[in-house]
Amino acid sequence: MSLFLLLIIVAIVLGIIGVAAHGLFYLLIIGVVVLVADLVYGAMRLRRRGRRHHRLR
């Protein structure tokens, strides 16, 4: 969970720097890519955790 939150923070910071600093638009793009990758990672973990193994009687 901490990796998920860390990547969200990194994506937000890169996005803010990319918007605020003139000529660093590529940081905004990198931030968006990190955010999308993080959301996919979180969805995969959530889906894997949601499955329950049923025991046979």
PDB file of N, CA and C in Angstrom:
ATOM      1  N   MET A   1       0.820  -1.189   0.000  1.00  0.00           N
ATOM      2  CA  MET A   1       0.000   0.000   0.000  1.00  0.00           C
ATOM      3  C   MET A   1       0.868   1.258   0.000  1.00  0.00           C
ATOM      4  N   SER A   2       2.001   1.194   0.677  1.00  0.00           N
ATOM      5  CA  SER A   2       2.850   2.377   0.730  1.00  0.00           C
ATOM      6  C   SER A   2       3.474   2.676  -0.637  1.00  0.00           C
ATOM      7  N   LEU A   3       3.763   1.635  -1.410  1.00  0.00           N
ATOM      8  CA  LEU A   3       4.305   1.846  -2.755  1.00  0.00           C
ATOM      9  C   LEU A   3       3.270   2.549  -3.628  1.00  0.00           C
ATOM     10  N   PHE A   4       2.013   2.149  -3.502  1.00  0.00           N
ATOM     11  CA  PHE A   4       0.918   2.764  -4.251  1.00  0.00           C
ATOM     12  C   PHE A   4       0.830   4.258  -3.929  1.00  0.00           C
ATOM     13  N   LEU A   5       0.847   4.593  -2.649  1.00  0.00           N
ATOM     14  CA  LEU A   5       0.750   5.999  -2.242  1.00  0.00           C
ATOM     15  C   LEU A   5       1.981   6.797  -2.655  1.00  0.00           C
ATOM     16  N   LEU A   6       3.158   6.187  -2.562  1.00  0.00           N
ATOM     17  CA  LEU A   6       4.381   6.863  -2.970  1.00  0.00           C
ATOM     18  C   LEU A   6       4.349   7.197  -4.458  1.00  0.00           C
ATOM     19  N   LEU A   7       3.885   6.259  -5.268  1.00  0.00           N
ATOM     20  CA  LEU A   7       3.816   6.514  -6.710  1.00  0.00           C
ATOM     21  C   LEU A   7       2.774   7.576  -7.047  1.00  0.00           C
ATOM     22  N   ILE A   8       1.675   7.630  -6.294  1.00  0.00           N
ATOM     23  CA  ILE A   8       0.684   8.685  -6.495  1.00  0.00           C
ATOM     24  C   ILE A   8       1.303  10.048  -6.203  1.00  0.00           C
ATOM     25  N   ILE A   9       2.032  10.140  -5.094  1.00  0.00           N
ATOM     26  CA  ILE A   9       2.677  11.409  -4.722  1.00  0.00           C
ATOM     27  C   ILE A   9       3.711  11.815  -5.772  1.00  0.00           C
ATOM     28  N   VAL A  10       4.501  10.867  -6.245  1.00  0.00           N
ATOM     29  CA  VAL A  10       5.510  11.159  -7.271  1.00  0.00           C
ATOM     30  C   VAL A  10       4.837  11.665  -8.543  1.00  0.00           C
ATOM     31  N   ALA A  11       3.737  11.032  -8.939  1.00  0.00           N
ATOM     32  CA  ALA A  11       3.026  11.456 -10.147  1.00  0.00           C
ATOM     33  C   ALA A  11       2.480  12.870  -9.992  1.00  0.00           C
ATOM     34  N   ILE A  12       1.933  13.186  -8.829  1.00  0.00           N
ATOM     35  CA  ILE A  12       1.391  14.531  -8.598  1.00  0.00           C
ATOM     36  C   ILE A  12       2.502  15.568  -8.624  1.00  0.00           C
ATOM     37  N   VAL A  13       3.615  15.288  -7.964  1.00  0.00           N
ATOM     38  CA  VAL A  13       4.735  16.238  -7.933  1.00  0.00           C
ATOM     39  C   VAL A  13       5.301  16.461  -9.328  1.00  0.00           C
ATOM     40  N   LEU A  14       5.493  15.381 -10.084  1.00  0.00           N
ATOM     41  CA  LEU A  14       6.003  15.536 -11.448  1.00  0.00           C
ATOM     42  C   LEU A  14       5.026  16.327 -12.313  1.00  0.00           C
ATOM     43  N   GLY A  15       3.738  16.093 -12.128  1.00  0.00           N
ATOM     44  CA  GLY A  15       2.737  16.848 -12.879  1.00  0.00           C
ATOM     45  C   GLY A  15       2.753  18.326 -12.546  1.00  0.00           C
ATOM     46  N   ILE A  16       2.861  18.651 -11.270  1.00  0.00           N
ATOM     47  CA  ILE A  16       2.898  20.063 -10.859  1.00  0.00           C
ATOM     48  C   ILE A  16       4.147  20.751 -11.398  1.00  0.00           C
ATOM     49  N   ILE A  17       5.286  20.094 -11.285  1.00  0.00           N
ATOM     50  CA  ILE A  17       6.527  20.684 -11.799  1.00  0.00           C
ATOM     51  C   ILE A  17       6.447  20.834 -13.316  1.00  0.00           C
ATOM     52  N   GLY A  18       5.870  19.839 -13.985  1.00  0.00           N
ATOM     53  CA  GLY A  18       5.751  19.904 -15.437  1.00  0.00           C
ATOM     54  C   GLY A  18       4.865  21.033 -15.906  1.00  0.00           C
ATOM     55  N   VAL A  19       3.816  21.350 -15.143  1.00  0.00           N
ATOM     56  CA  VAL A  19       2.925  22.454 -15.513  1.00  0.00           C
ATOM     57  C   VAL A  19       3.541  23.797 -15.142  1.00  0.00           C
ATOM     58  N   ALA A  20       4.172  23.871 -13.977  1.00  0.00           N
ATOM     59  CA  ALA A  20       4.663  25.145 -13.466  1.00  0.00           C
ATOM     60  C   ALA A  20       5.945  25.625 -14.162  1.00  0.00           C
ATOM     61  N   ALA A  21       6.836  24.719 -14.457  1.00  0.00           N
ATOM     62  CA  ALA A  21       8.120  25.104 -15.029  1.00  0.00           C
ATOM     63  C   ALA A  21       8.019  25.163 -16.554  1.00  0.00           C
ATOM     64  N   HIS A  22       8.429  26.262 -17.087  1.00  0.00           N
ATOM     65  CA  HIS A  22       8.389  26.448 -18.534  1.00  0.00           C
ATOM     66  C   HIS A  22       9.416  25.537 -19.202  1.00  0.00           C
ATOM     67  N   GLY A  23       8.980  24.776 -20.172  1.00  0.00           N
ATOM     68  CA  GLY A  23       9.891  23.914 -20.916  1.00  0.00           C
ATOM     69  C   GLY A  23      10.055  22.525 -20.337  1.00  0.00           C
ATOM     70  N   LEU A  24       9.321  22.203 -19.255  1.00  0.00           N
ATOM     71  CA  LEU A  24       9.436  20.875 -18.664  1.00  0.00           C
ATOM     72  C   LEU A  24       8.131  20.096 -18.820  1.00  0.00           C
ATOM     73  N   PHE A  25       7.522  20.233 -19.988  1.00  0.00           N
ATOM     74  CA  PHE A  25       6.266  19.543 -20.259  1.00  0.00           C
ATOM     75  C   PHE A  25       6.430  18.034 -20.213  1.00  0.00           C
ATOM     76  N   TYR A  26       7.642  17.566 -20.514  1.00  0.00           N
ATOM     77  CA  TYR A  26       7.878  16.125 -20.492  1.00  0.00           C
ATOM     78  C   TYR A  26       7.700  15.558 -19.089  1.00  0.00           C
ATOM     79  N   LEU A  27       7.917  16.359 -18.037  1.00  0.00           N
ATOM     80  CA  LEU A  27       7.685  15.874 -16.680  1.00  0.00           C
ATOM     81  C   LEU A  27       6.203  15.625 -16.428  1.00  0.00           C
ATOM     82  N   LEU A  28       5.350  16.453 -17.020  1.00  0.00           N
ATOM     83  CA  LEU A  28       3.913  16.224 -16.905  1.00  0.00           C
ATOM     84  C   LEU A  28       3.539  14.899 -17.567  1.00  0.00           C
ATOM     85  N   ILE A  29       4.110  14.632 -18.719  1.00  0.00           N
ATOM     86  CA  ILE A  29       3.831  13.375 -19.425  1.00  0.00           C
ATOM     87  C   ILE A  29       4.319  12.185 -18.595  1.00  0.00           C
ATOM     88  N   ILE A  30       5.512  12.299 -18.025  1.00  0.00           N
ATOM     89  CA  ILE A  30       6.043  11.221 -17.186  1.00  0.00           C
ATOM     90  C   ILE A  30       5.158  11.020 -15.961  1.00  0.00           C
ATOM     91  N   GLY A  31       4.680  12.117 -15.375  1.00  0.00           N
ATOM     92  CA  GLY A  31       3.778  12.019 -14.225  1.00  0.00           C
ATOM     93  C   GLY A  31       2.486  11.305 -14.566  1.00  0.00           C
ATOM     94  N   VAL A  32       1.932  11.587 -15.728  1.00  0.00           N
ATOM     95  CA  VAL A  32       0.703  10.922 -16.162  1.00  0.00           C
ATOM     96  C   VAL A  32       0.956   9.434 -16.389  1.00  0.00           C
ATOM     97  N   VAL A  33       2.086   9.094 -16.991  1.00  0.00           N
ATOM     98  CA  VAL A  33       2.419   7.685 -17.230  1.00  0.00           C
ATOM     99  C   VAL A  33       2.592   6.950 -15.896  1.00  0.00           C
ATOM    100  N   VAL A  34       3.264   7.577 -14.940  1.00  0.00           N
ATOM    101  CA  VAL A  34       3.436   6.962 -13.613  1.00  0.00           C
ATOM    102  C   VAL A  34       2.087   6.782 -12.932  1.00  0.00           C
ATOM    103  N   LEU A  35       1.201   7.763 -13.050  1.00  0.00           N
ATOM    104  CA  LEU A  35      -0.124   7.663 -12.446  1.00  0.00           C
ATOM    105  C   LEU A  35      -0.931   6.519 -13.050  1.00  0.00           C
ATOM    106  N   VAL A  36      -0.914   6.400 -14.354  1.00  0.00           N
ATOM    107  CA  VAL A  36      -1.653   5.317 -15.012  1.00  0.00           C
ATOM    108  C   VAL A  36      -1.072   3.954 -14.625  1.00  0.00           C
ATOM    109  N   ALA A  37       0.252   3.849 -14.602  1.00  0.00           N
ATOM    110  CA  ALA A  37       0.882   2.585 -14.216  1.00  0.00           C
ATOM    111  C   ALA A  37       0.539   2.235 -12.766  1.00  0.00           C
ATOM    112  N   ASP A  38       0.493   3.235 -11.908  1.00  0.00           N
ATOM    113  CA  ASP A  38       0.160   3.005 -10.511  1.00  0.00           C
ATOM    114  C   ASP A  38      -1.288   2.558 -10.356  1.00  0.00           C
ATOM    115  N   LEU A  39      -2.201   3.136 -11.101  1.00  0.00           N
ATOM    116  CA  LEU A  39      -3.601   2.732 -11.027  1.00  0.00           C
ATOM    117  C   LEU A  39      -3.790   1.303 -11.527  1.00  0.00           C
ATOM    118  N   VAL A  40      -3.056   0.927 -12.573  1.00  0.00           N
ATOM    119  CA  VAL A  40      -3.119  -0.454 -13.065  1.00  0.00           C
ATOM    120  C   VAL A  40      -2.559  -1.409 -12.017  1.00  0.00           C
ATOM    121  N   TYR A  41      -1.460  -1.033 -11.394  1.00  0.00           N
ATOM    122  CA  TYR A  41      -0.854  -1.851 -10.335  1.00  0.00           C
ATOM    123  C   TYR A  41      -1.824  -2.019  -9.165  1.00  0.00           C
ATOM    124  N   GLY A  42      -2.465  -0.929  -8.764  1.00  0.00           N
ATOM    125  CA  GLY A  42      -3.428  -0.999  -7.667  1.00  0.00           C
ATOM    126  C   GLY A  42      -4.633  -1.849  -8.007  1.00  0.00           C
ATOM    127  N   ALA A  43      -5.115  -1.745  -9.228  1.00  0.00           N
ATOM    128  CA  ALA A  43      -6.259  -2.551  -9.651  1.00  0.00           C
ATOM    129  C   ALA A  43      -5.906  -4.038  -9.683  1.00  0.00           C
ATOM    130  N   MET A  44      -4.710  -4.359 -10.119  1.00  0.00           N
ATOM    131  CA  MET A  44      -4.293  -5.759 -10.154  1.00  0.00           C
ATOM    132  C   MET A  44      -4.181  -6.333  -8.743  1.00  0.00           C
ATOM    133  N   ARG A  45      -3.637  -5.556  -7.818  1.00  0.00           N
ATOM    134  CA  ARG A  45      -3.530  -6.023  -6.432  1.00  0.00           C
ATOM    135  C   ARG A  45      -4.896  -6.192  -5.806  1.00  0.00           C
ATOM    136  N   LEU A  46      -5.803  -5.264  -6.097  1.00  0.00           N
ATOM    137  CA  LEU A  46      -7.142  -5.340  -5.537  1.00  0.00           C
ATOM    138  C   LEU A  46      -7.882  -6.551  -6.096  1.00  0.00           C
ATOM    139  N   ARG A  47      -7.721  -6.804  -7.383  1.00  0.00           N
ATOM    140  CA  ARG A  47      -8.390  -7.945  -8.006  1.00  0.00           C
ATOM    141  C   ARG A  47      -7.832  -9.259  -7.461  1.00  0.00           C
ATOM    142  N   ARG A  48      -6.517  -9.324  -7.285  1.00  0.00           N
ATOM    143  CA  ARG A  48      -5.897 -10.548  -6.780  1.00  0.00           C
ATOM    144  C   ARG A  48      -6.291 -10.803  -5.330  1.00  0.00           C
ATOM    145  N   ARG A  49      -6.406  -9.734  -4.538  1.00  0.00           N
ATOM    146  CA  ARG A  49      -6.762  -9.871  -3.138  1.00  0.00           C
ATOM    147  C   ARG A  49      -8.231 -10.256  -2.980  1.00  0.00           C
ATOM    148  N   GLY A  50      -9.076  -9.866  -3.929  1.00  0.00           N
ATOM    149  CA  GLY A  50     -10.504 -10.119  -3.836  1.00  0.00           C
ATOM    150  C   GLY A  50     -10.890 -11.570  -4.042  1.00  0.00           C
ATOM    151  N   ARG A  51     -10.051 -12.336  -4.662  1.00  0.00           N
ATOM    152  CA  ARG A  51     -10.367 -13.751  -4.908  1.00  0.00           C
ATOM    153  C   ARG A  51     -10.171 -14.540  -3.625  1.00  0.00           C
ATOM    154  N   ARG A  52     -11.118 -15.397  -3.367  1.00  0.00           N
ATOM    155  CA  ARG A  52     -11.014 -16.252  -2.184  1.00  0.00           C
ATOM    156  C   ARG A  52     -11.013 -17.697  -2.629  1.00  0.00           C
ATOM    157  N   HIS A  53     -10.161 -18.445  -2.019  1.00  0.00           N
ATOM    158  CA  HIS A  53     -10.082 -19.857  -2.352  1.00  0.00           C
ATOM    159  C   HIS A  53     -11.048 -20.619  -1.453  1.00  0.00           C
ATOM    160  N   HIS A  54     -11.897 -21.396  -2.073  1.00  0.00           N
ATOM    161  CA  HIS A  54     -12.860 -22.181  -1.311  1.00  0.00           C
ATOM    162  C   HIS A  54     -12.314 -23.588  -1.120  1.00  0.00           C
ATOM    163  N   ARG A  55     -12.425 -24.052   0.084  1.00  0.00           N
ATOM    164  CA  ARG A  55     -11.973 -25.411   0.358  1.00  0.00           C
ATOM    165  C   ARG A  55     -13.063 -26.395  -0.016  1.00  0.00           C
ATOM    166  N   LEU A  56     -12.636 -27.528  -0.515  1.00  0.00           N
ATOM    167  CA  LEU A  56     -13.586 -28.605  -0.797  1.00  0.00           C
ATOM    168  C   LEU A  56     -13.852 -29.362   0.499  1.00  0.00           C
ATOM    169  N   ARG A  57     -15.075 -29.762   0.681  1.00  0.00           N
ATOM    170  CA  ARG A  57     -15.432 -30.481   1.920  1.00  0.00           C
ATOM    171  C   ARG A  57     -15.172 -31.945   1.803  1.00  0.00           C
TER     172      ARG A  57
END
